[in-house]
Amino acid sequence: MSLDPIKWGEIGFSLHCVTYADTENIISRSIARTLGAENINSLLMKPSMKMYGTKKSANISCLRKKNNCCILSARSIGLYGNEDGSVLRKNLTILRQLVCQKTTTFQCVWTKQSNSPVVYEKGRIYFDNYRCCFSSTGPWPTLLYKLPKLHKSEKIEDALLCESPVGEMLPKPSDHTPSLIALTANNWLIRMSTKTAKILEKIYLSSQWKFRYLTWDDTQETIVAKTTQNKVTAVARAAGIQHSVLLHLALFRVLPLTFVGMLGIDKNVFGNNITDATVSHGLLIVTYGMGLVKLYSFQWIVEKFTQKQCILGQRCEWNNTTGIVGAAPFGIPCNIKITDCPPVLFEVSCLKSAFQIGGHPWHYIITPNERKQEGIYHIYSLKDKKLAENGIQEMQCCSLDTDWIYFHPDDSGRIMHIGPTQINVLQLSEKSEGVQRWQVSRAFTIYSAREREVESSVRVTAYGRVVKRRFSQLDDDKYETFKMVDYEDELELLTVLAVPPTDTEEKVHLNFYDNQSGILIKSVPLRETWDATYSHQLFFDRDTLVHIELLPPRTFCCHVYKMDQHMAEDGNENNQ
């Protein structure tokens, strides 16, 4: 399964967080302390951030060196420990070895087209705005449910997959059911079963504001429902009517579903040049024009500015109106009113508001707020804002796609810098003992295939005339290029989609690399052709590959590949 960093496309902010099935809570307030939040007394009263780390078995590396028969035999007689997740880790070790065998291939077993976007999420494929769902965990996808056609006002705008916690008792039996939390066009927040689509809970949000987006604040703990931005029409502007509130944010805890509060982002409080805002990991993130990003403690805001506690399903009086919280037409009240600008925990200016936090210890990555600096990434210490040694990363490339960078989602603190023809995996290390200086170094580099001979920019004709090429070739025309990189956390594999040069007949293929060393393990060809002018999505989940592509004029096509083993007739292993 892919565990990507949490990215906010609208505001360009991302904060690294990884969760495994076998985890324990190891960090609660380290970022807040690093940002200087110790001066805010109320912030220290409650942790506002949680992160999870991996608790791996000590002999997991030894397991990978054994063959599957040894692992199965030892497991059957109970030679392995009884710690949480022990059997699962042994099973995943066996699966990894099967995936990495030379005789293992991936065959396309299922294809389906749709006129609406296709969504894949943890073994489920959703069509027609989540109205139709297929399970991809079997030999081929099977239909889980298909809902009747809904009115346009009832279609799902956004959705999040919510899984029940393990080892925790919840108030209602239905709380233990894996569910899809969806936001409809008519402002209903619904929780429905992922197996039957039965509606488990419904909350009416508002008849005044249009909610459009759903994101996680803390993964599997708190969700954020966000409205569209208030736009002043030309008629209202001519009449002198101005909206000071840019948007509204409503937060809910999940399992059980409870209302935390709703607040408006007011220009009179945060400034007239704000462009967007969201909540992530206990931080209110506000972006401004010209690339400025400011971080505030959301917990401090809740404790300081909450006017009234509101409970779902209970009667409430608000603005001279009485109604049931979460029921139509009353909805949920905007019970958090920010009257003064909260203390700023951290602020930085960066290009396109692209700002990421991660690493060990905490660092952040930005591009300097100058157009000519685009494609150059600076890595700073979050504690003192000092540039790490070798902290300026730039990749020379000439391609249709630019390079990108993010913190590795495996909780190792490493950094992935991905370009069209190479992938640099960087690591942070202490420069010297006793000196709080950190340096960036390469752990390993993955290169694309470059066997092809590149034409020279200077050519001599048969008559001796020298002809110079006016435009240089793109990397896409000369070399194999990387288009997508994914991390399969359960198998510890990096999957890289490699596309051959544009004028060759070679197949697009998916390369599997060891996550720790970067060694190429195997390459799997894909059946479909690759058109770089259209969008593609690729997911690798245990024994399944899911490729979603957009075909002209606007047709979404989903291809599902399954792991397969091929043996020669004489019993000897042989590649197909």
Foldseek 3Di string as FASTA:
>chain_A
DFDDFDADVQQQETEFAFDDLAKDWDDFCPLLVLLVVVVPVLPVVDGLFTHIADDDDPCLVVLLVDALVVLVVCVVVPVDDDDPCPVVLSVLSNLLVQCLDQQKFWDFDDKDWALDDWDDDDQWIAGDQNQWIWGQPDPGTDTQDHHPDDDQQFGFQDKDWAAARPPDDFDDPCLNATWIFTAGQQQKTWTAGPRYRHTDDIFRAAPPFTWHDKDAQHPNFKIKIKTQFDDQDPVCVVVVHDDQFGIKIWMFTVRPTWGQAMATDGCVAVNDFWDDWDHHRQWIWTAGPLAKIWIDGNSSQSVPFFQDDATAQDWDADPNDIDGDRDPPVHHDRRGYDDHHGDTSDMDGADSNNKYWFAVVIKMKGQHSDPVSPQWIFIAHSNPRHTAAVRIDHDDFFAPDAWDKHADNNRPRWIWIFGFFKIFIKHWDQPDPPDPGIHIDTLDMDGFDQPFDDDDQWDADPVGDIDGNPDDDHCLQHTWTWDDWGAANSSQWIKTWTAGRPPDPDFTWIWIARNNRRHTSDIHGDDDHDDPVWDWDWDDYSFKIWIWTADPPGMIMIIIIGMDGDADPVRHRDHD
